Amino acid sequence: AGHVPAIVSGLWDRYSYRPREAEWLTVLIQ
């Protein structure tokens, strides 16, 4: 997850890819 900001900004700035949809997944149930 720590790499995601660089991935998103890189794809956006370099190649004009944009976030179009998202889905939540549960990582941990305490």
PDB file of all heavy atoms in Angstrom:
ATOM      1  N   ALA A   1       0.819  -1.219   0.000  1.00  0.00           N
ATOM      2  CA  ALA A   1       0.000   0.000   0.000  1.00  0.00           C
ATOM      3  C   ALA A   1       0.851   1.265   0.000  1.00  0.00           C
ATOM      4  O   ALA A   1       0.449   2.294  -0.554  1.00  0.00           O
ATOM      5  CB  ALA A   1      -0.924  -0.010   1.220  1.00  0.00           C
ATOM      6  N   GLY A   2       2.047   1.207   0.580  1.00  0.00           N
ATOM      7  CA  GLY A   2       2.908   2.382   0.614  1.00  0.00           C
ATOM      8  C   GLY A   2       3.396   2.824  -0.754  1.00  0.00           C
ATOM      9  O   GLY A   2       3.829   3.965  -0.928  1.00  0.00           O
ATOM     10  N   HIS A   3       3.338   1.931  -1.731  1.00  0.00           N
ATOM     11  CA  HIS A   3       3.768   2.264  -3.089  1.00  0.00           C
ATOM     12  C   HIS A   3       2.650   2.883  -3.923  1.00  0.00           C
ATOM     13  O   HIS A   3       2.912   3.424  -5.000  1.00  0.00           O
ATOM     14  CB  HIS A   3       4.255   0.997  -3.810  1.00  0.00           C
ATOM     15  CG  HIS A   3       5.477   0.378  -3.210  1.00  0.00           C
ATOM     16  ND1 HIS A   3       6.755   0.764  -3.529  1.00  0.00           N
ATOM     17  CD2 HIS A   3       5.608  -0.616  -2.284  1.00  0.00           C
ATOM     18  CE1 HIS A   3       7.625   0.042  -2.851  1.00  0.00           C
ATOM     19  NE2 HIS A   3       6.956  -0.806  -2.086  1.00  0.00           N
ATOM     20  N   VAL A   4       1.425   2.783  -3.456  1.00  0.00           N
ATOM     21  CA  VAL A   4       0.274   3.168  -4.284  1.00  0.00           C
ATOM     22  C   VAL A   4       0.265   4.644  -4.675  1.00  0.00           C
ATOM     23  O   VAL A   4      -0.042   4.964  -5.835  1.00  0.00           O
ATOM     24  CB  VAL A   4      -1.045   2.758  -3.596  1.00  0.00           C
ATOM     25  CG1 VAL A   4      -2.254   3.363  -4.303  1.00  0.00           C
ATOM     26  CG2 VAL A   4      -1.159   1.238  -3.575  1.00  0.00           C
ATOM     27  N   PRO A   5       0.586   5.595  -3.781  1.00  0.00           N
ATOM     28  CA  PRO A   5       0.606   6.995  -4.238  1.00  0.00           C
ATOM     29  C   PRO A   5       1.537   7.217  -5.429  1.00  0.00           C
ATOM     30  O   PRO A   5       1.191   7.944  -6.366  1.00  0.00           O
ATOM     31  CB  PRO A   5       1.088   7.756  -2.997  1.00  0.00           C
ATOM     32  CG  PRO A   5       0.635   6.919  -1.845  1.00  0.00           C
ATOM     33  CD  PRO A   5       0.816   5.507  -2.311  1.00  0.00           C
ATOM     34  N   ALA A   6       2.704   6.576  -5.410  1.00  0.00           N
ATOM     35  CA  ALA A   6       3.639   6.730  -6.528  1.00  0.00           C
ATOM     36  C   ALA A   6       3.086   6.078  -7.794  1.00  0.00           C
ATOM     37  O   ALA A   6       3.267   6.602  -8.907  1.00  0.00           O
ATOM     38  CB  ALA A   6       4.992   6.114  -6.168  1.00  0.00           C
ATOM     39  N   ILE A   7       2.405   4.934  -7.640  1.00  0.00           N
ATOM     40  CA  ILE A   7       1.825   4.252  -8.798  1.00  0.00           C
ATOM     41  C   ILE A   7       0.752   5.123  -9.445  1.00  0.00           C
ATOM     42  O   ILE A   7       0.744   5.345 -10.662  1.00  0.00           O
ATOM     43  CB  ILE A   7       1.220   2.902  -8.383  1.00  0.00           C
ATOM     44  CG1 ILE A   7       2.301   1.958  -7.844  1.00  0.00           C
ATOM     45  CG2 ILE A   7       0.499   2.250  -9.567  1.00  0.00           C
ATOM     46  CD1 ILE A   7       1.736   0.697  -7.194  1.00  0.00           C
ATOM     47  N   VAL A   8      -0.160   5.622  -8.624  1.00  0.00           N
ATOM     48  CA  VAL A   8      -1.281   6.414  -9.142  1.00  0.00           C
ATOM     49  C   VAL A   8      -0.786   7.707  -9.794  1.00  0.00           C
ATOM     50  O   VAL A   8      -1.171   8.041 -10.919  1.00  0.00           O
ATOM     51  CB  VAL A   8      -2.292   6.718  -8.019  1.00  0.00           C
ATOM     52  CG1 VAL A   8      -3.363   7.692  -8.513  1.00  0.00           C
ATOM     53  CG2 VAL A   8      -2.942   5.428  -7.529  1.00  0.00           C
ATOM     54  N   SER A   9       0.083   8.430  -9.097  1.00  0.00           N
ATOM     55  CA  SER A   9       0.564   9.700  -9.653  1.00  0.00           C
ATOM     56  C   SER A   9       1.415   9.464 -10.896  1.00  0.00           C
ATOM     57  O   SER A   9       1.359  10.246 -11.854  1.00  0.00           O
ATOM     58  CB  SER A   9       1.357  10.480  -8.599  1.00  0.00           C
ATOM     59  OG  SER A   9       2.502   9.762  -8.180  1.00  0.00           O
ATOM     60  N   GLY A  10       2.193   8.367 -10.896  1.00  0.00           N
ATOM     61  CA  GLY A  10       3.017   8.076 -12.057  1.00  0.00           C
ATOM     62  C   GLY A  10       2.196   7.732 -13.287  1.00  0.00           C
ATOM     63  O   GLY A  10       2.460   8.247 -14.391  1.00  0.00           O
ATOM     64  N   LEU A  11       1.194   6.865 -13.134  1.00  0.00           N
ATOM     65  CA  LEU A  11       0.338   6.513 -14.267  1.00  0.00           C
ATOM     66  C   LEU A  11      -0.467   7.723 -14.747  1.00  0.00           C
ATOM     67  O   LEU A  11      -0.734   7.874 -15.947  1.00  0.00           O
ATOM     68  CB  LEU A  11      -0.610   5.376 -13.874  1.00  0.00           C
ATOM     69  CG  LEU A  11       0.013   3.982 -13.727  1.00  0.00           C
ATOM     70  CD1 LEU A  11      -1.017   2.986 -13.211  1.00  0.00           C
ATOM     71  CD2 LEU A  11       0.583   3.499 -15.064  1.00  0.00           C
ATOM     72  N   TRP A  12      -0.857   8.569 -13.817  1.00  0.00           N
ATOM     73  CA  TRP A  12      -1.630   9.758 -14.163  1.00  0.00           C
ATOM     74  C   TRP A  12      -0.769  10.776 -14.916  1.00  0.00           C
ATOM     75  O   TRP A  12      -1.107  11.241 -16.014  1.00  0.00           O
ATOM     76  CB  TRP A  12      -2.176  10.381 -12.882  1.00  0.00           C
ATOM     77  CG  TRP A  12      -3.188  11.465 -13.084  1.00  0.00           C
ATOM     78  CD1 TRP A  12      -3.178  12.453 -14.020  1.00  0.00           C
ATOM     79  CD2 TRP A  12      -4.365  11.678 -12.298  1.00  0.00           C
ATOM     80  NE1 TRP A  12      -4.270  13.278 -13.876  1.00  0.00           N
ATOM     81  CE2 TRP A  12      -5.021  12.820 -12.818  1.00  0.00           C
ATOM     82  CE3 TRP A  12      -4.927  11.033 -11.205  1.00  0.00           C
ATOM     83  CZ2 TRP A  12      -6.195  13.321 -12.273  1.00  0.00           C
ATOM     84  CZ3 TRP A  12      -6.106  11.534 -10.669  1.00  0.00           C
ATOM     85  CH2 TRP A  12      -6.734  12.655 -11.195  1.00  0.00           C
ATOM     86  N   ASP A  13       0.387  11.121 -14.326  1.00  0.00           N
ATOM     87  CA  ASP A  13       1.222  12.177 -14.909  1.00  0.00           C
ATOM     88  C   ASP A  13       1.912  11.744 -16.197  1.00  0.00           C
ATOM     89  O   ASP A  13       2.029  12.527 -17.139  1.00  0.00           O
ATOM     90  CB  ASP A  13       2.289  12.610 -13.894  1.00  0.00           C
ATOM     91  CG  ASP A  13       1.680  13.259 -12.655  1.00  0.00           C
ATOM     92  OD1 ASP A  13       0.530  13.728 -12.741  1.00  0.00           O
ATOM     93  OD2 ASP A  13       2.360  13.288 -11.603  1.00  0.00           O
ATOM     94  N   ARG A  14       2.373  10.494 -16.238  1.00  0.00           N
ATOM     95  CA  ARG A  14       3.144  10.046 -17.403  1.00  0.00           C
ATOM     96  C   ARG A  14       2.266   9.626 -18.575  1.00  0.00           C
ATOM     97  O   ARG A  14       2.601   9.899 -19.733  1.00  0.00           O
ATOM     98  CB  ARG A  14       4.040   8.867 -17.022  1.00  0.00           C
ATOM     99  CG  ARG A  14       5.133   9.179 -16.018  1.00  0.00           C
ATOM    100  CD  ARG A  14       6.017   7.948 -15.843  1.00  0.00           C
ATOM    101  NE  ARG A  14       7.036   8.124 -14.829  1.00  0.00           N
ATOM    102  CZ  ARG A  14       8.030   7.263 -14.626  1.00  0.00           C
ATOM    103  NH1 ARG A  14       8.113   6.178 -15.378  1.00  0.00           N
ATOM    104  NH2 ARG A  14       8.926   7.474 -13.679  1.00  0.00           N
ATOM    105  N   TYR A  15       1.156   8.935 -18.268  1.00  0.00           N
ATOM    106  CA  TYR A  15       0.402   8.277 -19.342  1.00  0.00           C
ATOM    107  C   TYR A  15      -1.080   8.615 -19.347  1.00  0.00           C
ATOM    108  O   TYR A  15      -1.838   8.042 -20.131  1.00  0.00           O
ATOM    109  CB  TYR A  15       0.578   6.757 -19.232  1.00  0.00           C
ATOM    110  CG  TYR A  15       2.024   6.346 -19.053  1.00  0.00           C
ATOM    111  CD1 TYR A  15       2.461   5.795 -17.854  1.00  0.00           C
ATOM    112  CD2 TYR A  15       2.945   6.534 -20.074  1.00  0.00           C
ATOM    113  CE1 TYR A  15       3.793   5.432 -17.681  1.00  0.00           C
ATOM    114  CE2 TYR A  15       4.281   6.182 -19.913  1.00  0.00           C
ATOM    115  CZ  TYR A  15       4.693   5.631 -18.699  1.00  0.00           C
ATOM    116  OH  TYR A  15       6.009   5.284 -18.533  1.00  0.00           O
ATOM    117  N   SER A  16      -1.524   9.507 -18.490  1.00  0.00           N
ATOM    118  CA  SER A  16      -2.910   9.998 -18.457  1.00  0.00           C
ATOM    119  C   SER A  16      -3.936   8.935 -18.078  1.00  0.00           C
ATOM    120  O   SER A  16      -5.097   9.014 -18.492  1.00  0.00           O
ATOM    121  CB  SER A  16      -3.293  10.619 -19.811  1.00  0.00           C
ATOM    122  OG  SER A  16      -2.447  11.715 -20.105  1.00  0.00           O
ATOM    123  N   TYR A  17      -3.521   7.928 -17.295  1.00  0.00           N
ATOM    124  CA  TYR A  17      -4.494   6.982 -16.745  1.00  0.00           C
ATOM    125  C   TYR A  17      -5.143   7.629 -15.521  1.00  0.00           C
ATOM    126  O   TYR A  17      -4.474   8.299 -14.730  1.00  0.00           O
ATOM    127  CB  TYR A  17      -3.823   5.667 -16.349  1.00  0.00           C
ATOM    128  CG  TYR A  17      -3.502   4.783 -17.527  1.00  0.00           C
ATOM    129  CD1 TYR A  17      -2.310   4.941 -18.230  1.00  0.00           C
ATOM    130  CD2 TYR A  17      -4.394   3.792 -17.951  1.00  0.00           C
ATOM    131  CE1 TYR A  17      -2.010   4.138 -19.328  1.00  0.00           C
ATOM    132  CE2 TYR A  17      -4.104   2.984 -19.044  1.00  0.00           C
ATOM    133  CZ  TYR A  17      -2.911   3.168 -19.721  1.00  0.00           C
ATOM    134  OH  TYR A  17      -2.627   2.365 -20.807  1.00  0.00           O
ATOM    135  N   ARG A  18      -6.452   7.410 -15.380  1.00  0.00           N
ATOM    136  CA  ARG A  18      -7.213   8.020 -14.289  1.00  0.00           C
ATOM    137  C   ARG A  18      -7.942   6.942 -13.496  1.00  0.00           C
ATOM    138  O   ARG A  18      -8.399   5.938 -14.063  1.00  0.00           O
ATOM    139  CB  ARG A  18      -8.253   9.012 -14.843  1.00  0.00           C
ATOM    140  CG  ARG A  18      -7.671  10.161 -15.643  1.00  0.00           C
ATOM    141  CD  ARG A  18      -6.958  11.158 -14.740  1.00  0.00           C
ATOM    142  NE  ARG A  18      -6.563  12.357 -15.459  1.00  0.00           N
ATOM    143  CZ  ARG A  18      -5.386  12.550 -16.019  1.00  0.00           C
ATOM    144  NH1 ARG A  18      -4.488  11.579 -15.986  1.00  0.00           N
ATOM    145  NH2 ARG A  18      -5.086  13.679 -16.628  1.00  0.00           N
ATOM    146  N   PRO A  19      -8.117   7.138 -12.201  1.00  0.00           N
ATOM    147  CA  PRO A  19      -8.951   6.210 -11.426  1.00  0.00           C
ATOM    148  C   PRO A  19     -10.392   6.293 -11.907  1.00  0.00           C
ATOM    149  O   PRO A  19     -10.956   7.382 -11.994  1.00  0.00           O
ATOM    150  CB  PRO A  19      -8.820   6.727  -9.979  1.00  0.00           C
ATOM    151  CG  PRO A  19      -7.574   7.560  -9.968  1.00  0.00           C
ATOM    152  CD  PRO A  19      -7.490   8.173 -11.329  1.00  0.00           C
ATOM    153  N   ARG A  20     -10.997   5.152 -12.226  1.00  0.00           N
ATOM    154  CA  ARG A  20     -12.366   5.124 -12.743  1.00  0.00           C
ATOM    155  C   ARG A  20     -13.334   4.442 -11.787  1.00  0.00           C
ATOM    156  O   ARG A  20     -14.514   4.771 -11.761  1.00  0.00           O
ATOM    157  CB  ARG A  20     -12.403   4.409 -14.099  1.00  0.00           C
ATOM    158  CG  ARG A  20     -11.495   5.029 -15.158  1.00  0.00           C
ATOM    159  CD  ARG A  20     -11.866   6.450 -15.471  1.00  0.00           C
ATOM    160  NE  ARG A  20     -11.085   6.962 -16.601  1.00  0.00           N
ATOM    161  CZ  ARG A  20     -11.128   8.214 -17.011  1.00  0.00           C
ATOM    162  NH1 ARG A  20     -11.886   9.100 -16.395  1.00  0.00           N
ATOM    163  NH2 ARG A  20     -10.387   8.601 -18.048  1.00  0.00           N
ATOM    164  N   GLU A  21     -12.861   3.476 -11.026  1.00  0.00           N
ATOM    165  CA  GLU A  21     -13.724   2.812 -10.056  1.00  0.00           C
ATOM    166  C   GLU A  21     -12.851   2.154  -8.997  1.00  0.00           C
ATOM    167  O   GLU A  21     -11.642   1.976  -9.191  1.00  0.00           O
ATOM    168  CB  GLU A  21     -14.603   1.762 -10.737  1.00  0.00           C
ATOM    169  CG  GLU A  21     -13.839   0.662 -11.450  1.00  0.00           C
ATOM    170  CD  GLU A  21     -14.779  -0.305 -12.163  1.00  0.00           C
ATOM    171  OE1 GLU A  21     -15.314  -1.183 -11.468  1.00  0.00           O
ATOM    172  OE2 GLU A  21     -14.980  -0.145 -13.387  1.00  0.00           O
ATOM    173  N   ALA A  22     -13.467   1.812  -7.870  1.00  0.00           N
ATOM    174  CA  ALA A  22     -12.728   1.210  -6.762  1.00  0.00           C
ATOM    175  C   ALA A  22     -13.641   0.276  -5.975  1.00  0.00           C
ATOM    176  O   ALA A  22     -14.868   0.378  -6.034  1.00  0.00           O
ATOM    177  CB  ALA A  22     -12.171   2.300  -5.839  1.00  0.00           C
ATOM    178  N   GLU A  23     -13.007  -0.620  -5.253  1.00  0.00           N
ATOM    179  CA  GLU A  23     -13.744  -1.595  -4.436  1.00  0.00           C
ATOM    180  C   GLU A  23     -12.987  -1.772  -3.129  1.00  0.00           C
ATOM    181  O   GLU A  23     -11.767  -1.903  -3.121  1.00  0.00           O
ATOM    182  CB  GLU A  23     -13.837  -2.928  -5.171  1.00  0.00           C
ATOM    183  CG  GLU A  23     -14.551  -4.019  -4.395  1.00  0.00           C
ATOM    184  CD  GLU A  23     -14.542  -5.346  -5.130  1.00  0.00           C
ATOM    185  OE1 GLU A  23     -13.882  -5.440  -6.186  1.00  0.00           O
ATOM    186  OE2 GLU A  23     -15.170  -6.300  -4.639  1.00  0.00           O
ATOM    187  N   TRP A  24     -13.735  -1.791  -2.025  1.00  0.00           N
ATOM    188  CA  TRP A  24     -13.130  -2.000  -0.710  1.00  0.00           C
ATOM    189  C   TRP A  24     -13.064  -3.489  -0.381  1.00  0.00           C
ATOM    190  O   TRP A  24     -14.015  -4.235  -0.634  1.00  0.00           O
ATOM    191  CB  TRP A  24     -13.950  -1.320   0.389  1.00  0.00           C
ATOM    192  CG  TRP A  24     -13.817   0.181   0.403  1.00  0.00           C
ATOM    193  CD1 TRP A  24     -14.690   1.081  -0.149  1.00  0.00           C
ATOM    194  CD2 TRP A  24     -12.781   0.954   0.981  1.00  0.00           C
ATOM    195  NE1 TRP A  24     -14.238   2.363   0.052  1.00  0.00           N
ATOM    196  CE2 TRP A  24     -13.076   2.322   0.749  1.00  0.00           C
ATOM    197  CE3 TRP A  24     -11.608   0.614   1.684  1.00  0.00           C
ATOM    198  CZ2 TRP A  24     -12.237   3.337   1.197  1.00  0.00           C
ATOM    199  CZ3 TRP A  24     -10.786   1.646   2.119  1.00  0.00           C
ATOM    200  CH2 TRP A  24     -11.107   2.994   1.874  1.00  0.00           C
ATOM    201  N   LEU A  25     -11.931  -3.919   0.195  1.00  0.00           N
ATOM    202  CA  LEU A  25     -11.783  -5.257   0.745  1.00  0.00           C
ATOM    203  C   LEU A  25     -11.387  -5.137   2.210  1.00  0.00           C
ATOM    204  O   LEU A  25     -10.608  -4.245   2.567  1.00  0.00           O
ATOM    205  CB  LEU A  25     -10.721  -6.057  -0.010  1.00  0.00           C
ATOM    206  CG  LEU A  25     -10.995  -6.415  -1.461  1.00  0.00           C
ATOM    207  CD1 LEU A  25      -9.829  -7.199  -2.044  1.00  0.00           C
ATOM    208  CD2 LEU A  25     -12.282  -7.211  -1.610  1.00  0.00           C
ATOM    209  N   THR A  26     -11.890  -6.016   3.029  1.00  0.00           N
ATOM    210  CA  THR A  26     -11.559  -6.010   4.450  1.00  0.00           C
ATOM    211  C   THR A  26     -10.230  -6.709   4.677  1.00  0.00           C
ATOM    212  O   THR A  26     -10.074  -7.889   4.341  1.00  0.00           O
ATOM    213  CB  THR A  26     -12.660  -6.705   5.286  1.00  0.00           C
ATOM    214  OG1 THR A  26     -13.898  -6.003   5.086  1.00  0.00           O
ATOM    215  CG2 THR A  26     -12.307  -6.708   6.767  1.00  0.00           C
ATOM    216  N   VAL A  27      -9.278  -5.998   5.257  1.00  0.00           N
ATOM    217  CA  VAL A  27      -7.937  -6.535   5.483  1.00  0.00           C
ATOM    218  C   VAL A  27      -7.892  -7.355   6.769  1.00  0.00           C
ATOM    219  O   VAL A  27      -7.242  -8.395   6.836  1.00  0.00           O
ATOM    220  CB  VAL A  27      -6.910  -5.386   5.559  1.00  0.00           C
ATOM    221  CG1 VAL A  27      -5.545  -5.902   5.980  1.00  0.00           C
ATOM    222  CG2 VAL A  27      -6.827  -4.681   4.221  1.00  0.00           C
ATOM    223  N   LEU A  28      -8.594  -6.902   7.796  1.00  0.00           N
ATOM    224  CA  LEU A  28      -8.498  -7.533   9.104  1.00  0.00           C
ATOM    225  C   LEU A  28      -9.824  -7.435   9.827  1.00  0.00           C
ATOM    226  O   LEU A  28     -10.463  -6.375   9.812  1.00  0.00           O
ATOM    227  CB  LEU A  28      -7.406  -6.844   9.933  1.00  0.00           C
ATOM    228  CG  LEU A  28      -7.268  -7.273  11.376  1.00  0.00           C
ATOM    229  CD1 LEU A  28      -6.688  -8.679  11.446  1.00  0.00           C
ATOM    230  CD2 LEU A  28      -6.402  -6.310  12.156  1.00  0.00           C
ATOM    231  N   ILE A  29     -10.221  -8.527  10.438  1.00  0.00           N
ATOM    232  CA  ILE A  29     -11.388  -8.532  11.307  1.00  0.00           C
ATOM    233  C   ILE A  29     -10.920  -8.808  12.722  1.00  0.00           C
ATOM    234  O   ILE A  29     -10.379  -9.884  13.011  1.00  0.00           O
ATOM    235  CB  ILE A  29     -12.403  -9.614  10.878  1.00  0.00           C
ATOM    236  CG1 ILE A  29     -12.882  -9.350   9.451  1.00  0.00           C
ATOM    237  CG2 ILE A  29     -13.602  -9.640  11.840  1.00  0.00           C
ATOM    238  CD1 ILE A  29     -13.805 -10.415   8.906  1.00  0.00           C
ATOM    239  N   GLN A  30     -11.057  -7.824  13.602  1.00  0.00           N
ATOM    240  CA  GLN A  30     -10.600  -7.988  14.975  1.00  0.00           C
ATOM    241  C   GLN A  30     -11.726  -8.452  15.881  1.00  0.00           C
ATOM    242  O   GLN A  30     -12.862  -8.008  15.763  1.00  0.00           O
ATOM    243  CB  GLN A  30     -10.034  -6.653  15.499  1.00  0.00           C
ATOM    244  CG  GLN A  30      -8.720  -6.254  14.830  1.00  0.00           C
ATOM    245  CD  GLN A  30      -8.121  -5.033  15.479  1.00  0.00           C
ATOM    246  OE1 GLN A  30      -8.197  -3.930  14.965  1.00  0.00           O
ATOM    247  NE2 GLN A  30      -7.554  -5.250  16.645  1.00  0.00           N
TER     248      GLN A  30
END
